[in-house]
Protein backbone atom coordinates (compact mmCIF):
# COMPACT_ATOMS: atom_id res chain seq x y z
CA MET A 1 0.00 0.00 0.00
CA ALA A 2 1.29 3.48 -0.86
CA LYS A 3 2.39 5.88 1.87
CA ILE A 4 2.86 9.60 1.72
CA ILE A 5 6.51 10.53 2.06
CA PHE A 6 6.67 14.25 1.24
CA SER A 7 3.99 16.91 1.07
CA LEU A 8 4.45 19.38 -1.78
CA LYS A 9 2.32 22.14 -0.29
CA TYR A 10 4.32 25.39 -0.04
CA VAL A 11 7.43 23.64 -1.39
CA GLU A 12 9.56 25.41 -3.96
CA GLU A 13 10.08 23.65 -7.26
CA ASP A 14 13.84 23.24 -6.84
CA GLU A 15 13.36 21.49 -3.50
CA ALA A 16 10.70 19.19 -4.95
CA ASN A 17 13.02 18.38 -7.86
CA ASP A 18 15.83 17.56 -5.43
CA ILE A 19 13.57 15.15 -3.54
CA ARG A 20 12.47 13.49 -6.80
CA GLN A 21 16.10 13.17 -7.90
CA LEU A 22 17.09 11.76 -4.51
CA LEU A 23 14.42 9.08 -4.72
CA MET A 24 15.32 8.18 -8.33
CA GLU A 25 19.04 7.93 -7.52
CA ASN A 26 18.26 5.48 -4.72
CA GLU A 27 15.87 3.50 -6.95
CA ILE A 28 12.84 4.12 -4.77
CA GLU A 29 9.57 3.87 -6.67
CA PHE A 30 7.28 6.82 -6.12
CA TYR A 31 4.48 8.77 -7.72
CA GLU A 32 3.01 12.23 -7.28
CA THR A 33 -0.41 13.67 -6.78
CA THR A 34 -1.29 17.27 -7.53
CA ALA A 35 -3.53 19.67 -5.67
CA GLY A 36 -5.85 19.79 -8.64
CA ARG A 37 -7.53 22.69 -10.37
CA TRP A 38 -9.15 24.13 -7.24
CA GLN A 39 -6.26 23.27 -4.92
CA ILE A 40 -8.37 21.04 -2.68
CA SER A 41 -6.49 17.75 -3.15
CA LEU A 42 -3.22 16.75 -1.55
CA ALA A 43 -0.09 17.56 -3.56
CA ALA A 44 2.45 15.02 -2.39
CA ILE A 45 5.03 12.40 -3.25
CA TRP A 46 4.01 8.87 -2.36
CA ILE A 47 6.11 5.71 -1.94
CA ARG A 48 4.73 2.64 -3.71
CA ASN A 49 6.36 -0.03 -1.50
CA ASN A 50 6.12 0.02 2.28
CA GLU A 51 9.58 -1.57 2.49
CA ASP A 52 11.14 1.59 1.01
CA PHE A 53 9.43 3.97 3.42
CA ASP A 54 12.08 4.00 6.18
CA LYS A 55 14.94 4.35 3.69
CA ALA A 56 13.17 7.18 1.84
CA ARG A 57 12.26 8.94 5.09
CA ALA A 58 15.90 8.81 6.24
CA LEU A 59 17.12 10.19 2.90
CA ILE A 60 14.60 13.03 2.93
CA GLU A 61 15.34 13.92 6.56
CA ALA A 62 19.07 14.08 5.77
CA ASP A 63 18.35 16.33 2.77
CA GLN A 64 16.11 18.58 4.86
CA LYS A 65 18.79 18.83 7.55
CA GLU A 66 21.36 19.92 4.93
CA ARG A 67 18.93 22.51 3.55
CA ARG A 68 18.17 23.87 7.02
CA GLU A 69 21.87 24.18 7.88
CA ALA A 70 22.65 25.91 4.57
CA TYR A 71 19.74 28.30 5.07
CA GLN A 72 20.78 29.16 8.62
CA ALA A 73 24.37 29.73 7.52
CA ASN A 74 23.17 32.27 4.94
CA MET A 75 20.73 34.09 7.23
CA PRO A 76 21.67 37.63 8.22
CA ASP A 77 22.55 38.40 11.80
CA MET A 78 19.34 39.31 13.65
CA ARG A 79 21.07 42.25 15.33
CA LEU A 80 21.56 43.87 11.93
CA LEU A 81 17.86 43.85 11.14
CA PRO A 82 16.16 47.18 11.79
CA SER A 83 14.10 47.42 14.93
CA LEU A 84 11.01 49.57 15.19
CA TRP A 85 12.91 52.26 17.07
CA ARG A 86 15.77 52.28 14.51
CA GLN A 87 13.24 52.60 11.69
CA CYS A 88 11.58 55.51 13.48
CA ARG A 89 14.89 57.31 13.98
CA HIS A 90 16.09 56.59 10.45
CA ASN A 91 12.93 57.70 8.65
CA PRO A 92 10.54 59.53 10.99
CA VAL A 93 8.26 60.82 8.19
CA GLU A 94 7.56 57.31 6.87
CA PHE A 95 7.03 56.07 10.42
CA GLY A 96 4.56 58.90 11.09
CA PHE A 97 2.59 58.22 7.92
CA THR A 98 2.48 54.52 8.74
CA LEU A 99 1.22 55.25 12.24
CA VAL A 100 -1.45 57.63 10.91
CA ALA A 101 -2.54 55.00 8.36
CA ILE A 102 -2.85 52.35 11.06
CA VAL A 103 -4.93 54.63 13.28
CA PHE A 104 -7.10 55.61 10.29
CA VAL A 105 -7.81 52.00 9.30
CA LEU A 106 -8.55 51.03 12.91
CA GLY A 107 -10.88 54.02 13.22
CA LEU A 108 -12.78 53.05 10.06
CA THR A 109 -13.00 49.48 11.24
CA LEU A 110 -14.30 50.32 14.71
CA TRP A 111 -16.52 53.27 13.69
CA PRO A 112 -19.75 51.21 13.36
CA PHE A 113 -19.35 49.88 16.89
CA TRP A 114 -19.01 53.38 18.37
CA LEU A 115 -22.24 54.50 16.71
CA VAL A 116 -24.32 51.87 18.47
């Protein structure tokens, strides 16, 4: 009986291609299902033989671990990202307009409840 091995929802095409290639290189039989026209079905990669499930799962987990480590190595230092206060000091006009827009939208949203 077939088992789902990898969900393709929110997966980039290059990552999905890497998983397909990984399974083909290790001679693991699989097939894919798509989400369909209205995106209500399950887009996934399925393993045909139950005997291959553990091997495929181990291969995919190793690949995901490599991807995670590569991503984390390329992430910027969180201290270099602008904080709210730094943004305010750097560009006070934009910050002021943003604050006014937020208050305006909240006011429009809550206006009907104040009239009651």
